[in-house]
Amino acid sequence: MNKRTAHRWRLLALMLTAVFFAFGSFWLLQAIQAEDPARVGNNLNEPDYIVENFSFVRMTEQGVPRYVMSGERLAHHPDNDVSEVSKPVVESMAPGRPRMTMHAERGQVYHGENRVELMGNVDIARPATPNSEALRARTEALTVLADDEIVKTNRPVQMTLGAASVNAVGLVAENPTQKLHLGGRGTIVYPPRQSAAPNQ
């Protein structure tokens, strides 16, 4: 009887030990997974900082403003160094250039490339200068190469250039040279020439 009881106690002790090690292994696995970045990669996509009603200025090498970007909200993602922006406004301010202002519903700032992607109801405005006519354009997506002062899109564009109206698919506007390149399948409508007043 005592042998049978001792055997049962040894069996129970072995079972409890096995359960203890099983729980210990499970806890250790959970701890390793919690510390392994590869297993929690989804958390890396969370913003590391968020700024409301922000504004920042990019300077030239000479220390003067090149462009200003502002918006309602900026959320920076550290995994790809890209910021998501709500209601962005980009305004070029390079010396000796006409100011080009761009509005959109949302945007993405690629910090490593100094590139801004504007999306949703993009509105571009550039005032007239002695060398160029006023420009106003609307499209759904626009790439802004801020350091080069170039904007471009391969989407349909509705634009006014002075008194002329333009519809095109694709646009490249170079602010330093004030040159405008339109894509194919476009139309340009010029207003009728005003006839000379008759001689009295």
N, C-alpha and C. Protein backbone atom coordinates (compact mmCIF):
# COMPACT_ATOMS: atom_id res chain seq x y z
N MET A 1 0.84 -1.21 0.00
CA MET A 1 0.00 0.00 0.00
C MET A 1 0.87 1.25 0.00
N ASN A 2 1.93 1.23 0.82
CA ASN A 2 2.83 2.37 0.87
C ASN A 2 3.58 2.54 -0.44
N LYS A 3 3.96 1.42 -1.08
CA LYS A 3 4.64 1.50 -2.36
C LYS A 3 3.73 2.12 -3.42
N ARG A 4 2.46 1.71 -3.42
CA ARG A 4 1.52 2.26 -4.40
C ARG A 4 1.33 3.77 -4.17
N THR A 5 1.23 4.17 -2.89
CA THR A 5 1.07 5.60 -2.58
C THR A 5 2.30 6.38 -2.99
N ALA A 6 3.48 5.82 -2.71
CA ALA A 6 4.72 6.51 -3.09
C ALA A 6 4.83 6.63 -4.60
N HIS A 7 4.38 5.59 -5.32
CA HIS A 7 4.42 5.63 -6.78
C HIS A 7 3.49 6.73 -7.31
N ARG A 8 2.32 6.84 -6.70
CA ARG A 8 1.38 7.90 -7.12
C ARG A 8 1.96 9.28 -6.88
N TRP A 9 2.61 9.48 -5.72
CA TRP A 9 3.20 10.79 -5.44
C TRP A 9 4.31 11.14 -6.43
N ARG A 10 5.14 10.11 -6.78
CA ARG A 10 6.19 10.36 -7.77
C ARG A 10 5.60 10.72 -9.12
N LEU A 11 4.52 10.03 -9.50
CA LEU A 11 3.87 10.31 -10.78
C LEU A 11 3.26 11.72 -10.78
N LEU A 12 2.65 12.09 -9.66
CA LEU A 12 2.07 13.44 -9.55
C LEU A 12 3.15 14.51 -9.61
N ALA A 13 4.29 14.24 -8.96
CA ALA A 13 5.39 15.21 -8.98
C ALA A 13 5.93 15.38 -10.40
N LEU A 14 6.05 14.27 -11.14
CA LEU A 14 6.52 14.35 -12.52
C LEU A 14 5.54 15.15 -13.38
N MET A 15 4.24 14.92 -13.20
CA MET A 15 3.24 15.64 -13.97
C MET A 15 3.29 17.14 -13.67
N LEU A 16 3.43 17.49 -12.36
CA LEU A 16 3.50 18.91 -12.00
C LEU A 16 4.76 19.56 -12.57
N THR A 17 5.86 18.81 -12.56
CA THR A 17 7.10 19.35 -13.13
C THR A 17 6.95 19.60 -14.62
N ALA A 18 6.31 18.65 -15.32
CA ALA A 18 6.11 18.81 -16.76
C ALA A 18 5.22 20.01 -17.05
N VAL A 19 4.15 20.19 -16.25
CA VAL A 19 3.27 21.34 -16.45
C VAL A 19 4.03 22.64 -16.18
N PHE A 20 4.86 22.66 -15.15
CA PHE A 20 5.65 23.86 -14.83
C PHE A 20 6.56 24.24 -15.99
N PHE A 21 7.28 23.24 -16.54
CA PHE A 21 8.18 23.53 -17.64
C PHE A 21 7.41 23.95 -18.90
N ALA A 22 6.23 23.38 -19.09
CA ALA A 22 5.43 23.77 -20.25
C ALA A 22 5.02 25.24 -20.15
N PHE A 23 4.54 25.64 -18.96
CA PHE A 23 4.18 27.04 -18.78
C PHE A 23 5.39 27.96 -18.86
N GLY A 24 6.51 27.49 -18.32
CA GLY A 24 7.74 28.28 -18.40
C GLY A 24 8.19 28.48 -19.83
N SER A 25 8.11 27.44 -20.66
CA SER A 25 8.50 27.55 -22.07
C SER A 25 7.57 28.50 -22.81
N PHE A 26 6.25 28.43 -22.51
CA PHE A 26 5.29 29.31 -23.14
C PHE A 26 5.57 30.77 -22.78
N TRP A 27 5.87 31.02 -21.50
CA TRP A 27 6.18 32.39 -21.07
C TRP A 27 7.46 32.91 -21.74
N LEU A 28 8.48 32.05 -21.83
CA LEU A 28 9.74 32.45 -22.46
C LEU A 28 9.53 32.76 -23.93
N LEU A 29 8.72 31.95 -24.62
CA LEU A 29 8.44 32.20 -26.03
C LEU A 29 7.72 33.54 -26.21
N GLN A 30 6.76 33.83 -25.35
CA GLN A 30 6.05 35.10 -25.44
C GLN A 30 7.00 36.27 -25.20
N ALA A 31 7.92 36.13 -24.24
CA ALA A 31 8.87 37.20 -23.95
C ALA A 31 9.80 37.44 -25.13
N ILE A 32 10.25 36.37 -25.79
CA ILE A 32 11.14 36.51 -26.94
C ILE A 32 10.41 37.18 -28.10
N GLN A 33 9.17 36.78 -28.33
CA GLN A 33 8.39 37.38 -29.41
C GLN A 33 8.13 38.86 -29.15
N ALA A 34 7.92 39.22 -27.89
CA ALA A 34 7.66 40.62 -27.57
C ALA A 34 8.87 41.49 -27.84
N GLU A 35 10.08 40.92 -27.73
CA GLU A 35 11.29 41.68 -27.93
C GLU A 35 11.84 41.58 -29.35
N ASP A 36 11.25 40.71 -30.17
CA ASP A 36 11.76 40.50 -31.53
C ASP A 36 11.12 41.52 -32.46
N PRO A 37 11.86 42.47 -33.03
CA PRO A 37 11.26 43.48 -33.92
C PRO A 37 10.60 42.88 -35.14
N ALA A 38 11.11 41.74 -35.59
CA ALA A 38 10.54 41.12 -36.79
C ALA A 38 9.12 40.65 -36.54
N ARG A 39 8.81 40.35 -35.26
CA ARG A 39 7.48 39.84 -34.95
C ARG A 39 6.52 40.95 -34.59
N VAL A 40 7.03 42.13 -34.36
CA VAL A 40 6.15 43.26 -34.03
C VAL A 40 6.35 44.36 -35.04
N GLY A 41 6.63 43.97 -36.27
CA GLY A 41 6.90 44.94 -37.33
C GLY A 41 5.74 45.88 -37.56
N ASN A 42 4.52 45.42 -37.28
CA ASN A 42 3.37 46.28 -37.52
C ASN A 42 3.42 47.53 -36.64
N ASN A 43 4.03 47.41 -35.43
CA ASN A 43 4.10 48.56 -34.56
C ASN A 43 5.06 49.61 -35.08
N LEU A 44 6.03 49.18 -35.93
CA LEU A 44 6.99 50.15 -36.46
C LEU A 44 6.32 51.13 -37.41
N ASN A 45 5.16 50.77 -37.93
CA ASN A 45 4.47 51.66 -38.85
C ASN A 45 3.67 52.73 -38.14
N GLU A 46 3.62 52.66 -36.82
CA GLU A 46 2.92 53.68 -36.05
C GLU A 46 3.75 54.96 -36.05
N PRO A 47 3.09 56.13 -36.09
CA PRO A 47 3.84 57.40 -36.07
C PRO A 47 4.66 57.54 -34.81
N ASP A 48 5.88 58.06 -34.95
CA ASP A 48 6.69 58.34 -33.77
C ASP A 48 6.48 59.76 -33.27
N TYR A 49 5.92 60.64 -34.12
CA TYR A 49 5.48 61.93 -33.63
C TYR A 49 4.39 62.48 -34.54
N ILE A 50 3.52 63.29 -33.95
CA ILE A 50 2.39 63.92 -34.65
C ILE A 50 2.38 65.39 -34.29
N VAL A 51 2.23 66.26 -35.31
CA VAL A 51 2.21 67.70 -35.09
C VAL A 51 0.91 68.26 -35.69
N GLU A 52 0.19 69.01 -34.90
CA GLU A 52 -1.04 69.66 -35.36
C GLU A 52 -0.74 71.09 -35.78
N ASN A 53 -1.42 71.53 -36.86
CA ASN A 53 -1.28 72.92 -37.35
C ASN A 53 0.20 73.31 -37.46
N PHE A 54 0.91 72.56 -38.26
CA PHE A 54 2.35 72.73 -38.35
C PHE A 54 2.73 73.66 -39.51
N SER A 55 3.97 74.10 -39.49
CA SER A 55 4.56 74.88 -40.57
C SER A 55 6.07 74.74 -40.47
N PHE A 56 6.72 74.40 -41.58
CA PHE A 56 8.17 74.36 -41.56
C PHE A 56 8.72 74.98 -42.83
N VAL A 57 9.94 75.49 -42.73
CA VAL A 57 10.59 76.21 -43.82
C VAL A 57 11.85 75.46 -44.22
N ARG A 58 12.02 75.23 -45.52
CA ARG A 58 13.27 74.67 -46.03
C ARG A 58 14.11 75.82 -46.57
N MET A 59 15.36 75.87 -46.10
CA MET A 59 16.24 76.98 -46.45
C MET A 59 17.18 76.59 -47.59
N THR A 60 17.67 77.60 -48.30
CA THR A 60 18.70 77.38 -49.31
C THR A 60 20.06 77.33 -48.61
N GLU A 61 21.09 77.02 -49.39
CA GLU A 61 22.44 77.00 -48.83
C GLU A 61 22.88 78.39 -48.38
N GLN A 62 22.25 79.42 -48.94
CA GLN A 62 22.57 80.79 -48.56
C GLN A 62 21.78 81.25 -47.34
N GLY A 63 20.92 80.39 -46.81
CA GLY A 63 20.18 80.73 -45.60
C GLY A 63 18.92 81.52 -45.82
N VAL A 64 18.37 81.49 -47.04
CA VAL A 64 17.10 82.16 -47.30
C VAL A 64 16.04 81.10 -47.57
N PRO A 65 14.77 81.40 -47.31
CA PRO A 65 13.73 80.38 -47.50
C PRO A 65 13.63 79.92 -48.95
N ARG A 66 13.55 78.59 -49.12
CA ARG A 66 13.32 78.01 -50.45
C ARG A 66 11.84 77.71 -50.64
N TYR A 67 11.23 77.07 -49.65
CA TYR A 67 9.79 76.85 -49.70
C TYR A 67 9.26 76.65 -48.28
N VAL A 68 7.97 76.87 -48.14
CA VAL A 68 7.28 76.70 -46.86
C VAL A 68 6.21 75.64 -47.06
N MET A 69 6.10 74.74 -46.10
CA MET A 69 5.00 73.76 -46.12
C MET A 69 4.26 73.84 -44.80
N SER A 70 2.94 73.86 -44.88
CA SER A 70 2.10 73.90 -43.70
C SER A 70 0.93 72.94 -43.89
N GLY A 71 0.19 72.70 -42.82
CA GLY A 71 -0.95 71.81 -42.91
C GLY A 71 -1.65 71.67 -41.57
N GLU A 72 -2.75 70.94 -41.59
CA GLU A 72 -3.52 70.75 -40.36
C GLU A 72 -2.90 69.70 -39.44
N ARG A 73 -2.27 68.69 -40.04
CA ARG A 73 -1.75 67.59 -39.22
C ARG A 73 -0.63 66.89 -39.97
N LEU A 74 0.45 66.57 -39.26
CA LEU A 74 1.56 65.82 -39.83
C LEU A 74 1.88 64.65 -38.91
N ALA A 75 1.93 63.45 -39.49
CA ALA A 75 2.28 62.24 -38.73
C ALA A 75 3.47 61.58 -39.41
N HIS A 76 4.58 61.47 -38.69
CA HIS A 76 5.81 60.91 -39.25
C HIS A 76 5.91 59.42 -38.94
N HIS A 77 6.23 58.62 -39.98
CA HIS A 77 6.40 57.17 -39.83
C HIS A 77 7.88 56.85 -39.92
N PRO A 78 8.46 56.31 -38.86
CA PRO A 78 9.91 56.09 -38.85
C PRO A 78 10.39 54.96 -39.74
N ASP A 79 9.49 53.99 -40.08
CA ASP A 79 9.95 52.83 -40.85
C ASP A 79 10.40 53.23 -42.25
N ASN A 80 9.75 54.23 -42.85
CA ASN A 80 10.13 54.64 -44.21
C ASN A 80 10.48 56.13 -44.30
N ASP A 81 10.51 56.82 -43.16
CA ASP A 81 10.83 58.25 -43.10
C ASP A 81 9.91 59.06 -44.01
N VAL A 82 8.62 58.75 -43.93
CA VAL A 82 7.60 59.45 -44.71
C VAL A 82 6.58 60.05 -43.75
N SER A 83 6.17 61.27 -44.02
CA SER A 83 5.16 61.93 -43.20
C SER A 83 3.85 62.03 -43.98
N GLU A 84 2.75 61.69 -43.32
CA GLU A 84 1.41 61.85 -43.88
C GLU A 84 0.88 63.21 -43.43
N VAL A 85 0.37 63.98 -44.38
CA VAL A 85 -0.05 65.35 -44.09
C VAL A 85 -1.51 65.53 -44.48
N SER A 86 -2.26 66.19 -43.62
CA SER A 86 -3.64 66.56 -43.91
C SER A 86 -3.70 68.03 -44.31
N LYS A 87 -4.44 68.34 -45.39
CA LYS A 87 -4.61 69.70 -45.89
C LYS A 87 -3.26 70.42 -46.09
N PRO A 88 -2.37 69.83 -46.87
CA PRO A 88 -1.07 70.48 -47.05
C PRO A 88 -1.14 71.71 -47.95
N VAL A 89 -0.27 72.67 -47.66
CA VAL A 89 -0.07 73.85 -48.50
C VAL A 89 1.44 74.00 -48.70
N VAL A 90 1.87 74.01 -49.96
CA VAL A 90 3.28 74.17 -50.29
C VAL A 90 3.44 75.46 -51.08
N GLU A 91 4.36 76.31 -50.63
CA GLU A 91 4.58 77.59 -51.30
C GLU A 91 6.07 77.75 -51.57
N SER A 92 6.44 77.87 -52.85
CA SER A 92 7.84 78.11 -53.20
C SER A 92 8.19 79.56 -52.92
N MET A 93 9.39 79.78 -52.39
CA MET A 93 9.79 81.13 -52.00
C MET A 93 11.21 81.43 -52.44
N ALA A 94 11.72 80.73 -53.45
CA ALA A 94 13.09 80.95 -53.89
C ALA A 94 13.27 82.38 -54.37
N PRO A 95 14.38 83.01 -54.03
CA PRO A 95 14.60 84.41 -54.44
C PRO A 95 14.60 84.56 -55.96
N GLY A 96 13.96 85.62 -56.42
CA GLY A 96 13.93 85.89 -57.85
C GLY A 96 12.97 85.05 -58.64
N ARG A 97 12.11 84.26 -57.97
CA ARG A 97 11.15 83.40 -58.65
C ARG A 97 9.73 83.85 -58.29
N PRO A 98 8.80 83.67 -59.20
CA PRO A 98 7.39 83.90 -58.82
C PRO A 98 6.94 82.84 -57.84
N ARG A 99 6.16 83.24 -56.88
CA ARG A 99 5.70 82.28 -55.87
C ARG A 99 4.66 81.35 -56.46
N MET A 100 4.90 80.06 -56.34
CA MET A 100 3.94 79.06 -56.77
C MET A 100 3.36 78.42 -55.52
N THR A 101 2.03 78.46 -55.40
CA THR A 101 1.36 77.93 -54.21
C THR A 101 0.50 76.75 -54.60
N MET A 102 0.58 75.67 -53.81
CA MET A 102 -0.17 74.44 -54.09
C MET A 102 -0.95 74.01 -52.86
N HIS A 103 -2.22 73.71 -53.05
CA HIS A 103 -3.08 73.18 -52.00
C HIS A 103 -3.55 71.78 -52.39
N ALA A 104 -3.85 70.94 -51.38
CA ALA A 104 -4.38 69.60 -51.65
C ALA A 104 -5.12 69.11 -50.41
N GLU A 105 -5.83 68.00 -50.58
CA GLU A 105 -6.54 67.38 -49.46
C GLU A 105 -5.57 66.64 -48.53
N ARG A 106 -4.60 65.98 -49.10
CA ARG A 106 -3.64 65.22 -48.30
C ARG A 106 -2.31 65.17 -49.05
N GLY A 107 -1.29 64.76 -48.33
CA GLY A 107 0.02 64.70 -48.95
C GLY A 107 0.94 63.74 -48.24
N GLN A 108 2.04 63.41 -48.88
CA GLN A 108 3.09 62.58 -48.30
C GLN A 108 4.43 63.29 -48.54
N VAL A 109 5.22 63.40 -47.47
CA VAL A 109 6.53 64.03 -47.57
C VAL A 109 7.59 62.94 -47.46
N TYR A 110 8.38 62.76 -48.52
CA TYR A 110 9.48 61.80 -48.53
C TYR A 110 10.74 62.58 -48.15
N HIS A 111 11.07 62.52 -46.86
CA HIS A 111 12.11 63.40 -46.34
C HIS A 111 13.48 63.13 -46.96
N GLY A 112 13.80 61.88 -47.19
CA GLY A 112 15.11 61.55 -47.75
C GLY A 112 15.29 62.00 -49.18
N GLU A 113 14.19 62.24 -49.89
CA GLU A 113 14.26 62.63 -51.30
C GLU A 113 13.85 64.08 -51.52
N ASN A 114 13.44 64.77 -50.46
CA ASN A 114 12.90 66.13 -50.61
C ASN A 114 11.81 66.17 -51.68
N ARG A 115 10.94 65.17 -51.61
CA ARG A 115 9.84 65.04 -52.57
C ARG A 115 8.53 65.06 -51.81
N VAL A 116 7.55 65.76 -52.38
CA VAL A 116 6.22 65.84 -51.78
C VAL A 116 5.21 65.34 -52.80
N GLU A 117 4.35 64.43 -52.37
CA GLU A 117 3.25 63.94 -53.21
C GLU A 117 1.96 64.54 -52.70
N LEU A 118 1.29 65.33 -53.54
CA LEU A 118 0.01 65.94 -53.19
C LEU A 118 -1.11 65.17 -53.85
N MET A 119 -2.21 64.95 -53.13
CA MET A 119 -3.31 64.13 -53.64
C MET A 119 -4.65 64.73 -53.24
N GLY A 120 -5.59 64.67 -54.17
CA GLY A 120 -6.95 65.10 -53.89
C GLY A 120 -7.17 66.58 -54.06
N ASN A 121 -7.89 66.97 -55.12
CA ASN A 121 -8.22 68.38 -55.37
C ASN A 121 -6.98 69.29 -55.31
N VAL A 122 -5.97 68.92 -56.05
CA VAL A 122 -4.74 69.71 -56.05
C VAL A 122 -4.97 70.99 -56.85
N ASP A 123 -4.62 72.12 -56.24
CA ASP A 123 -4.82 73.44 -56.84
C ASP A 123 -3.47 74.14 -56.89
N ILE A 124 -3.04 74.54 -58.08
CA ILE A 124 -1.75 75.21 -58.28
C ILE A 124 -2.00 76.63 -58.76
N ALA A 125 -1.32 77.59 -58.18
CA ALA A 125 -1.48 78.99 -58.59
C ALA A 125 -0.11 79.65 -58.66
N ARG A 126 0.12 80.37 -59.76
CA ARG A 126 1.34 81.15 -59.93
C ARG A 126 0.96 82.50 -60.52
N PRO A 127 1.36 83.59 -59.91
CA PRO A 127 0.96 84.91 -60.42
C PRO A 127 1.71 85.26 -61.71
N ALA A 128 1.18 86.23 -62.41
CA ALA A 128 1.83 86.70 -63.63
C ALA A 128 3.12 87.43 -63.28
N THR A 129 4.08 87.37 -64.21
CA THR A 129 5.34 88.09 -64.08
C THR A 129 5.60 88.80 -65.40
N PRO A 130 6.60 89.68 -65.45
CA PRO A 130 6.92 90.32 -66.74
C PRO A 130 7.29 89.32 -67.84
N ASN A 131 7.71 88.11 -67.45
CA ASN A 131 8.14 87.13 -68.44
C ASN A 131 7.16 85.99 -68.65
N SER A 132 6.09 85.91 -67.86
CA SER A 132 5.15 84.80 -68.01
C SER A 132 3.77 85.23 -67.56
N GLU A 133 2.77 84.52 -68.06
CA GLU A 133 1.39 84.80 -67.71
C GLU A 133 1.01 84.07 -66.43
N ALA A 134 -0.07 84.52 -65.82
CA ALA A 134 -0.56 83.86 -64.61
C ALA A 134 -0.99 82.44 -64.94
N LEU A 135 -0.74 81.54 -64.00
CA LEU A 135 -1.07 80.13 -64.20
C LEU A 135 -1.96 79.67 -63.06
N ARG A 136 -2.98 78.91 -63.40
CA ARG A 136 -3.85 78.26 -62.40
C ARG A 136 -4.17 76.88 -62.94
N ALA A 137 -3.92 75.85 -62.16
CA ALA A 137 -4.13 74.49 -62.63
C ALA A 137 -4.76 73.64 -61.53
N ARG A 138 -5.55 72.66 -61.96
CA ARG A 138 -6.18 71.72 -61.02
C ARG A 138 -6.00 70.30 -61.55
N THR A 139 -5.67 69.40 -60.62
CA THR A 139 -5.50 68.00 -60.96
C THR A 139 -5.74 67.18 -59.70
N GLU A 140 -5.63 65.87 -59.80
CA GLU A 140 -5.90 65.01 -58.64
C GLU A 140 -4.64 64.52 -57.95
N ALA A 141 -3.49 64.63 -58.58
CA ALA A 141 -2.24 64.18 -57.96
C ALA A 141 -1.09 64.98 -58.56
N LEU A 142 -0.13 65.32 -57.72
CA LEU A 142 0.98 66.16 -58.16
C LEU A 142 2.24 65.79 -57.39
N THR A 143 3.34 65.65 -58.12
CA THR A 143 4.65 65.43 -57.50
C THR A 143 5.39 66.76 -57.45
N VAL A 144 5.88 67.11 -56.27
CA VAL A 144 6.61 68.36 -56.08
C VAL A 144 8.06 68.01 -55.76
N LEU A 145 8.98 68.39 -56.65
CA LEU A 145 10.41 68.25 -56.40
C LEU A 145 10.88 69.60 -55.86
N ALA A 146 10.85 69.72 -54.56
CA ALA A 146 10.98 71.03 -53.93
C ALA A 146 12.33 71.68 -54.22
N ASP A 147 13.41 70.93 -54.13
CA ASP A 147 14.73 71.53 -54.34
C ASP A 147 14.93 72.00 -55.78
N ASP A 148 14.31 71.30 -56.72
CA ASP A 148 14.43 71.66 -58.14
C ASP A 148 13.35 72.63 -58.58
N GLU A 149 12.38 72.89 -57.73
CA GLU A 149 11.25 73.78 -58.04
C GLU A 149 10.52 73.30 -59.31
N ILE A 150 10.25 72.00 -59.34
CA ILE A 150 9.55 71.39 -60.46
C ILE A 150 8.32 70.67 -59.92
N VAL A 151 7.19 70.85 -60.58
CA VAL A 151 5.99 70.08 -60.27
C VAL A 151 5.57 69.31 -61.51
N LYS A 152 5.04 68.10 -61.31
CA LYS A 152 4.67 67.29 -62.46
C LYS A 152 3.56 66.32 -62.08
N THR A 153 2.82 65.91 -63.10
CA THR A 153 1.76 64.92 -62.93
C THR A 153 1.53 64.22 -64.25
N ASN A 154 1.02 63.00 -64.18
CA ASN A 154 0.59 62.29 -65.38
C ASN A 154 -0.93 62.14 -65.42
N ARG A 155 -1.60 62.90 -64.55
CA ARG A 155 -3.07 62.88 -64.49
C ARG A 155 -3.66 63.97 -65.38
N PRO A 156 -4.95 63.90 -65.65
CA PRO A 156 -5.60 64.99 -66.38
C PRO A 156 -5.47 66.30 -65.63
N VAL A 157 -5.28 67.37 -66.39
CA VAL A 157 -5.07 68.71 -65.82
C VAL A 157 -6.00 69.70 -66.50
N GLN A 158 -6.65 70.53 -65.71
CA GLN A 158 -7.41 71.67 -66.22
C GLN A 158 -6.68 72.93 -65.79
N MET A 159 -6.38 73.78 -66.76
CA MET A 159 -5.50 74.89 -66.45
C MET A 159 -5.92 76.13 -67.23
N THR A 160 -5.65 77.28 -66.62
CA THR A 160 -5.74 78.55 -67.34
C THR A 160 -4.35 79.16 -67.34
N LEU A 161 -3.95 79.66 -68.49
CA LEU A 161 -2.64 80.29 -68.66
C LEU A 161 -2.90 81.64 -69.31
N GLY A 162 -2.89 82.68 -68.50
CA GLY A 162 -3.32 83.97 -68.99
C GLY A 162 -4.80 83.90 -69.34
N ALA A 163 -5.15 84.27 -70.55
CA ALA A 163 -6.54 84.22 -70.99
C ALA A 163 -6.88 82.89 -71.65
N ALA A 164 -5.90 82.02 -71.87
CA ALA A 164 -6.14 80.75 -72.55
C ALA A 164 -6.51 79.67 -71.53
N SER A 165 -7.32 78.72 -71.97
CA SER A 165 -7.67 77.57 -71.14
C SER A 165 -7.06 76.32 -71.76
N VAL A 166 -6.60 75.41 -70.91
CA VAL A 166 -5.86 74.23 -71.36
C VAL A 166 -6.43 73.00 -70.67
N ASN A 167 -6.64 71.94 -71.43
CA ASN A 167 -6.96 70.62 -70.89
C ASN A 167 -5.92 69.65 -71.44
N ALA A 168 -5.27 68.92 -70.55
CA ALA A 168 -4.22 68.01 -71.00
C ALA A 168 -4.13 66.83 -70.04
N VAL A 169 -3.42 65.81 -70.49
CA VAL A 169 -3.09 64.67 -69.62
C VAL A 169 -1.58 64.70 -69.43
N GLY A 170 -1.16 65.14 -68.26
CA GLY A 170 0.25 65.26 -67.98
C GLY A 170 0.72 66.70 -68.02
N LEU A 171 1.58 67.06 -67.07
CA LEU A 171 2.07 68.42 -66.96
C LEU A 171 3.41 68.41 -66.24
N VAL A 172 4.35 69.23 -66.72
CA VAL A 172 5.60 69.50 -66.01
C VAL A 172 5.79 71.01 -66.02
N ALA A 173 5.88 71.61 -64.84
CA ALA A 173 6.09 73.05 -64.73
C ALA A 173 7.41 73.28 -64.00
N GLU A 174 8.31 74.03 -64.65
CA GLU A 174 9.61 74.34 -64.08
C GLU A 174 9.61 75.81 -63.65
N ASN A 175 9.62 76.02 -62.35
CA ASN A 175 9.53 77.39 -61.86
C ASN A 175 10.79 78.22 -62.16
N PRO A 176 12.00 77.67 -62.07
CA PRO A 176 13.18 78.50 -62.36
C PRO A 176 13.19 79.07 -63.78
N THR A 177 12.79 78.24 -64.77
CA THR A 177 12.78 78.70 -66.16
C THR A 177 11.41 79.20 -66.59
N GLN A 178 10.38 78.97 -65.74
CA GLN A 178 9.00 79.32 -66.04
C GLN A 178 8.52 78.64 -67.33
N LYS A 179 9.08 77.46 -67.60
CA LYS A 179 8.66 76.67 -68.76
C LYS A 179 7.55 75.71 -68.35
N LEU A 180 6.68 75.44 -69.30
CA LEU A 180 5.54 74.57 -69.07
C LEU A 180 5.50 73.52 -70.16
N HIS A 181 5.46 72.25 -69.78
CA HIS A 181 5.39 71.14 -70.73
C HIS A 181 4.08 70.40 -70.50
N LEU A 182 3.29 70.26 -71.56
CA LEU A 182 2.01 69.56 -71.48
C LEU A 182 2.12 68.19 -72.10
N GLY A 183 1.38 67.24 -71.52
CA GLY A 183 1.34 65.90 -72.08
C GLY A 183 0.45 65.84 -73.31
N GLY A 184 0.33 64.65 -73.85
CA GLY A 184 -0.47 64.47 -75.06
C GLY A 184 -1.96 64.52 -74.79
N ARG A 185 -2.71 64.40 -75.85
CA ARG A 185 -4.19 64.38 -75.80
C ARG A 185 -4.74 65.61 -75.12
N GLY A 186 -4.16 66.76 -75.43
CA GLY A 186 -4.62 67.99 -74.80
C GLY A 186 -5.21 68.96 -75.80
N THR A 187 -5.90 69.95 -75.27
CA THR A 187 -6.47 71.01 -76.11
C THR A 187 -6.16 72.35 -75.46
N ILE A 188 -5.94 73.37 -76.30
CA ILE A 188 -5.71 74.73 -75.84
C ILE A 188 -6.72 75.63 -76.54
N VAL A 189 -7.43 76.41 -75.77
CA VAL A 189 -8.43 77.31 -76.31
C VAL A 189 -7.99 78.74 -76.03
N TYR A 190 -7.76 79.51 -77.08
CA TYR A 190 -7.39 80.91 -76.94
C TYR A 190 -8.63 81.78 -77.11
N PRO A 191 -8.73 82.86 -76.40
CA PRO A 191 -9.88 83.76 -76.59
C PRO A 191 -9.76 84.44 -77.94
N PRO A 192 -10.88 84.83 -78.53
CA PRO A 192 -10.82 85.51 -79.83
C PRO A 192 -10.10 86.84 -79.73
N ARG A 193 -9.41 87.15 -80.78
CA ARG A 193 -8.71 88.44 -80.81
C ARG A 193 -9.73 89.57 -80.88
N GLN A 194 -9.40 90.61 -80.17
CA GLN A 194 -10.29 91.77 -80.21
C GLN A 194 -10.02 92.54 -81.52
N SER A 195 -11.09 92.83 -82.20
CA SER A 195 -10.94 93.55 -83.48
C SER A 195 -10.60 95.00 -83.19
N ALA A 196 -9.85 95.55 -84.09
CA ALA A 196 -9.44 96.96 -83.92
C ALA A 196 -10.65 97.89 -84.03
N ALA A 197 -10.62 98.93 -83.26
CA ALA A 197 -11.74 99.87 -83.29
C ALA A 197 -11.77 100.59 -84.63
N PRO A 198 -12.95 100.78 -85.23
CA PRO A 198 -13.04 101.45 -86.51
C PRO A 198 -12.61 102.91 -86.43
N ASN A 199 -12.02 103.37 -87.52
CA ASN A 199 -11.57 104.78 -87.56
C ASN A 199 -12.76 105.72 -87.57
N GLN A 200 -12.64 106.72 -86.79
CA GLN A 200 -13.74 107.71 -86.74
C GLN A 200 -13.66 108.63 -87.93
